[in-house]
PDB file of N, CA and C in Angstrom:
ATOM      1  N   MET A   1      93.845  91.921  87.518  1.00  0.00           N
ATOM      2  CA  MET A   1      94.637  92.649  86.547  1.00  0.00           C
ATOM      3  C   MET A   1      94.121  92.380  85.142  1.00  0.00           C
ATOM      4  N   ASN A   2      94.061  93.415  84.318  1.00  0.00           N
ATOM      5  CA  ASN A   2      93.556  93.260  82.950  1.00  0.00           C
ATOM      6  C   ASN A   2      94.630  92.719  82.048  1.00  0.00           C
ATOM      7  N   THR A   3      94.234  91.909  81.106  1.00  0.00           N
ATOM      8  CA  THR A   3      95.149  91.332  80.134  1.00  0.00           C
ATOM      9  C   THR A   3      95.120  92.213  78.903  1.00  0.00           C
ATOM     10  N   VAL A   4      96.269  92.502  78.337  1.00  0.00           N
ATOM     11  CA  VAL A   4      96.366  93.354  77.162  1.00  0.00           C
ATOM     12  C   VAL A   4      96.852  92.473  76.014  1.00  0.00           C
ATOM     13  N   GLU A   5      96.150  92.523  74.902  1.00  0.00           N
ATOM     14  CA  GLU A   5      96.627  91.840  73.709  1.00  0.00           C
ATOM     15  C   GLU A   5      97.735  92.673  73.085  1.00  0.00           C
ATOM     16  N   ILE A   6      98.902  92.079  72.908  1.00  0.00           N
ATOM     17  CA  ILE A   6     100.025  92.817  72.396  1.00  0.00           C
ATOM     18  C   ILE A   6     100.030  92.777  70.877  1.00  0.00           C
ATOM     19  N   PRO A   7      99.925  93.934  70.221  1.00  0.00           N
ATOM     20  CA  PRO A   7      99.952  93.928  68.758  1.00  0.00           C
ATOM     21  C   PRO A   7     101.351  93.537  68.255  1.00  0.00           C
ATOM     22  N   ARG A   8     101.423  93.093  67.057  1.00  0.00           N
ATOM     23  CA  ARG A   8     102.695  92.633  66.492  1.00  0.00           C
ATOM     24  C   ARG A   8     103.503  93.798  65.963  1.00  0.00           C
ATOM     25  N   GLN A   9     102.936  94.949  65.849  1.00  0.00           N
ATOM     26  CA  GLN A   9     103.627  96.058  65.235  1.00  0.00           C
ATOM     27  C   GLN A   9     104.077  97.131  66.253  1.00  0.00           C
ATOM     28  N   VAL A  10     104.679  96.675  67.344  1.00  0.00           N
ATOM     29  CA  VAL A  10     105.273  97.609  68.285  1.00  0.00           C
ATOM     30  C   VAL A  10     106.705  97.228  68.573  1.00  0.00           C
ATOM     31  N   ARG A  11     107.440  98.201  69.021  1.00  0.00           N
ATOM     32  CA  ARG A  11     108.836  97.996  69.447  1.00  0.00           C
ATOM     33  C   ARG A  11     108.923  98.356  70.909  1.00  0.00           C
ATOM     34  N   VAL A  12     109.484  97.484  71.723  1.00  0.00           N
ATOM     35  CA  VAL A  12     109.566  97.731  73.154  1.00  0.00           C
ATOM     36  C   VAL A  12     111.029  97.870  73.551  1.00  0.00           C
ATOM     37  N   THR A  13     111.294  98.923  74.312  1.00  0.00           N
ATOM     38  CA  THR A  13     112.638  99.115  74.875  1.00  0.00           C
ATOM     39  C   THR A  13     112.498  99.378  76.384  1.00  0.00           C
ATOM     40  N   TYR A  14     113.572  99.228  77.092  1.00  0.00           N
ATOM     41  CA  TYR A  14     113.574  99.476  78.543  1.00  0.00           C
ATOM     42  C   TYR A  14     114.663 100.468  78.852  1.00  0.00           C
ATOM     43  N   ASP A  15     114.304 101.547  79.516  1.00  0.00           N
ATOM     44  CA  ASP A  15     115.253 102.582  79.924  1.00  0.00           C
ATOM     45  C   ASP A  15     115.763 102.248  81.343  1.00  0.00           C
ATOM     46  N   VAL A  16     117.006 101.800  81.456  1.00  0.00           N
ATOM     47  CA  VAL A  16     117.541 101.357  82.714  1.00  0.00           C
ATOM     48  C   VAL A  16     117.750 102.510  83.688  1.00  0.00           C
ATOM     49  N   LYS A  17     117.979 103.700  83.184  1.00  0.00           N
ATOM     50  CA  LYS A  17     118.192 104.835  84.048  1.00  0.00           C
ATOM     51  C   LYS A  17     116.885 105.306  84.683  1.00  0.00           C
ATOM     52  N   LEU A  18     115.781 105.287  83.905  1.00  0.00           N
ATOM     53  CA  LEU A  18     114.496 105.736  84.397  1.00  0.00           C
ATOM     54  C   LEU A  18     113.635 104.607  84.891  1.00  0.00           C
ATOM     55  N   ASN A  19     114.021 103.376  84.633  1.00  0.00           N
ATOM     56  CA  ASN A  19     113.257 102.186  85.029  1.00  0.00           C
ATOM     57  C   ASN A  19     111.839 102.171  84.471  1.00  0.00           C
ATOM     58  N   ILE A  20     111.728 102.471  83.174  1.00  0.00           N
ATOM     59  CA  ILE A  20     110.430 102.461  82.494  1.00  0.00           C
ATOM     60  C   ILE A  20     110.555 101.777  81.144  1.00  0.00           C
ATOM     61  N   PHE A  21     109.451 101.209  80.709  1.00  0.00           N
ATOM     62  CA  PHE A  21     109.391 100.625  79.370  1.00  0.00           C
ATOM     63  C   PHE A  21     108.896 101.707  78.421  1.00  0.00           C
ATOM     64  N   LEU A  22     109.435 101.686  77.205  1.00  0.00           N
ATOM     65  CA  LEU A  22     109.001 102.566  76.111  1.00  0.00           C
ATOM     66  C   LEU A  22     108.482 101.667  74.992  1.00  0.00           C
ATOM     67  N   VAL A  23     107.281 101.977  74.545  1.00  0.00           N
ATOM     68  CA  VAL A  23     106.651 101.226  73.448  1.00  0.00           C
ATOM     69  C   VAL A  23     106.434 102.159  72.264  1.00  0.00           C
ATOM     70  N   TYR A  24     106.938 101.773  71.118  1.00  0.00           N
ATOM     71  CA  TYR A  24     106.792 102.618  69.900  1.00  0.00           C
ATOM     72  C   TYR A  24     105.941 101.858  68.893  1.00  0.00           C
ATOM     73  N   ALA A  25     105.095 102.606  68.177  1.00  0.00           N
ATOM     74  CA  ALA A  25     104.334 102.021  67.076  1.00  0.00           C
ATOM     75  C   ALA A  25     105.322 101.866  65.905  1.00  0.00           C
ATOM     76  N   LYS A  26     105.436 100.666  65.364  1.00  0.00           N
ATOM     77  CA  LYS A  26     106.404 100.437  64.281  1.00  0.00           C
ATOM     78  C   LYS A  26     106.086 101.203  62.998  1.00  0.00           C
ATOM     79  N   ASN A  27     104.796 101.393  62.751  1.00  0.00           N
ATOM     80  CA  ASN A  27     104.412 102.115  61.537  1.00  0.00           C
ATOM     81  C   ASN A  27     104.560 103.612  61.685  1.00  0.00           C
ATOM     82  N   ASP A  28     104.637 104.119  62.936  1.00  0.00           N
ATOM     83  CA  ASP A  28     104.840 105.557  63.175  1.00  0.00           C
ATOM     84  C   ASP A  28     105.691 105.716  64.430  1.00  0.00           C
ATOM     85  N   PRO A  29     107.003 105.734  64.316  1.00  0.00           N
ATOM     86  CA  PRO A  29     107.876 105.816  65.484  1.00  0.00           C
ATOM     87  C   PRO A  29     107.737 107.070  66.326  1.00  0.00           C
ATOM     88  N   GLN A  30     107.017 108.075  65.766  1.00  0.00           N
ATOM     89  CA  GLN A  30     106.769 109.296  66.544  1.00  0.00           C
ATOM     90  C   GLN A  30     105.719 109.073  67.622  1.00  0.00           C
ATOM     91  N   LYS A  31     104.930 107.968  67.489  1.00  0.00           N
ATOM     92  CA  LYS A  31     103.949 107.621  68.505  1.00  0.00           C
ATOM     93  C   LYS A  31     104.580 106.632  69.465  1.00  0.00           C
ATOM     94  N   PHE A  32     104.653 107.040  70.729  1.00  0.00           N
ATOM     95  CA  PHE A  32     105.252 106.159  71.752  1.00  0.00           C
ATOM     96  C   PHE A  32     104.589 106.432  73.072  1.00  0.00           C
ATOM     97  N   ALA A  33     104.774 105.498  74.005  1.00  0.00           N
ATOM     98  CA  ALA A  33     104.222 105.649  75.339  1.00  0.00           C
ATOM     99  C   ALA A  33     105.153 104.967  76.330  1.00  0.00           C
ATOM    100  N   THR A  34     105.030 105.305  77.588  1.00  0.00           N
ATOM    101  CA  THR A  34     105.848 104.726  78.618  1.00  0.00           C
ATOM    102  C   THR A  34     104.984 104.063  79.674  1.00  0.00           C
ATOM    103  N   GLY A  35     105.595 103.195  80.484  1.00  0.00           N
ATOM    104  CA  GLY A  35     104.895 102.554  81.571  1.00  0.00           C
ATOM    105  C   GLY A  35     105.862 101.781  82.424  1.00  0.00           C
ATOM    106  N   ILE A  36     105.421 101.468  83.642  1.00  0.00           N
ATOM    107  CA  ILE A  36     106.292 100.707  84.545  1.00  0.00           C
ATOM    108  C   ILE A  36     106.285  99.214  84.224  1.00  0.00           C
ATOM    109  N   THR A  37     105.311  98.796  83.420  1.00  0.00           N
ATOM    110  CA  THR A  37     105.268  97.441  82.888  1.00  0.00           C
ATOM    111  C   THR A  37     105.058  97.531  81.376  1.00  0.00           C
ATOM    112  N   ILE A  38     105.375  96.474  80.674  1.00  0.00           N
ATOM    113  CA  ILE A  38     105.161  96.452  79.211  1.00  0.00           C
ATOM    114  C   ILE A  38     103.662  96.630  78.944  1.00  0.00           C
ATOM    115  N   GLU A  39     102.817  95.937  79.708  1.00  0.00           N
ATOM    116  CA  GLU A  39     101.385  95.986  79.486  1.00  0.00           C
ATOM    117  C   GLU A  39     100.854  97.411  79.686  1.00  0.00           C
ATOM    118  N   LYS A  40     101.311  98.101  80.705  1.00  0.00           N
ATOM    119  CA  LYS A  40     100.871  99.487  80.975  1.00  0.00           C
ATOM    120  C   LYS A  40     101.348 100.419  79.875  1.00  0.00           C
ATOM    121  N   ALA A  41     102.550 100.211  79.390  1.00  0.00           N
ATOM    122  CA  ALA A  41     103.034 101.040  78.301  1.00  0.00           C
ATOM    123  C   ALA A  41     102.213 100.844  77.035  1.00  0.00           C
ATOM    124  N   ILE A  42     101.820  99.615  76.766  1.00  0.00           N
ATOM    125  CA  ILE A  42     101.002  99.369  75.594  1.00  0.00           C
ATOM    126  C   ILE A  42      99.591  99.965  75.769  1.00  0.00           C
ATOM    127  N   GLN A  43      99.032  99.858  76.953  1.00  0.00           N
ATOM    128  CA  GLN A  43      97.758 100.479  77.247  1.00  0.00           C
ATOM    129  C   GLN A  43      97.856 101.992  77.025  1.00  0.00           C
ATOM    130  N   ASN A  44      98.941 102.603  77.511  1.00  0.00           N
ATOM    131  CA  ASN A  44      99.148 104.029  77.330  1.00  0.00           C
ATOM    132  C   ASN A  44      99.261 104.417  75.855  1.00  0.00           C
ATOM    133  N   LEU A  45      99.891 103.548  75.073  1.00  0.00           N
ATOM    134  CA  LEU A  45     100.020 103.832  73.647  1.00  0.00           C
ATOM    135  C   LEU A  45      98.648 103.814  72.982  1.00  0.00           C
ATOM    136  N   TYR A  46      97.794 102.862  73.360  1.00  0.00           N
ATOM    137  CA  TYR A  46      96.434 102.802  72.784  1.00  0.00           C
ATOM    138  C   TYR A  46      95.610 103.992  73.209  1.00  0.00           C
ATOM    139  N   GLN A  47      95.754 104.456  74.449  1.00  0.00           N
ATOM    140  CA  GLN A  47      94.978 105.595  74.935  1.00  0.00           C
ATOM    141  C   GLN A  47      95.432 106.863  74.265  1.00  0.00           C
ATOM    142  N   ALA A  48      96.680 106.946  73.904  1.00  0.00           N
ATOM    143  CA  ALA A  48      97.197 108.163  73.248  1.00  0.00           C
ATOM    144  C   ALA A  48      96.780 108.246  71.791  1.00  0.00           C
ATOM    145  N   ALA A  49      96.436 107.093  71.193  1.00  0.00           N
ATOM    146  CA  ALA A  49      96.063 107.090  69.752  1.00  0.00           C
ATOM    147  C   ALA A  49      94.692 107.643  69.482  1.00  0.00           C
TER     148      ALA A  49
END
């Protein structure tokens, strides 16, 4: 499994109804990504950027 360095400027929430993590860029809340793990959500955020 790959290790992801977590930046300090993200906000992580968990949607209990959908069972997914949501990661938002703190400097731009319009940029967000989802994933089944925090690490995957952060990877998805980086890929979307």
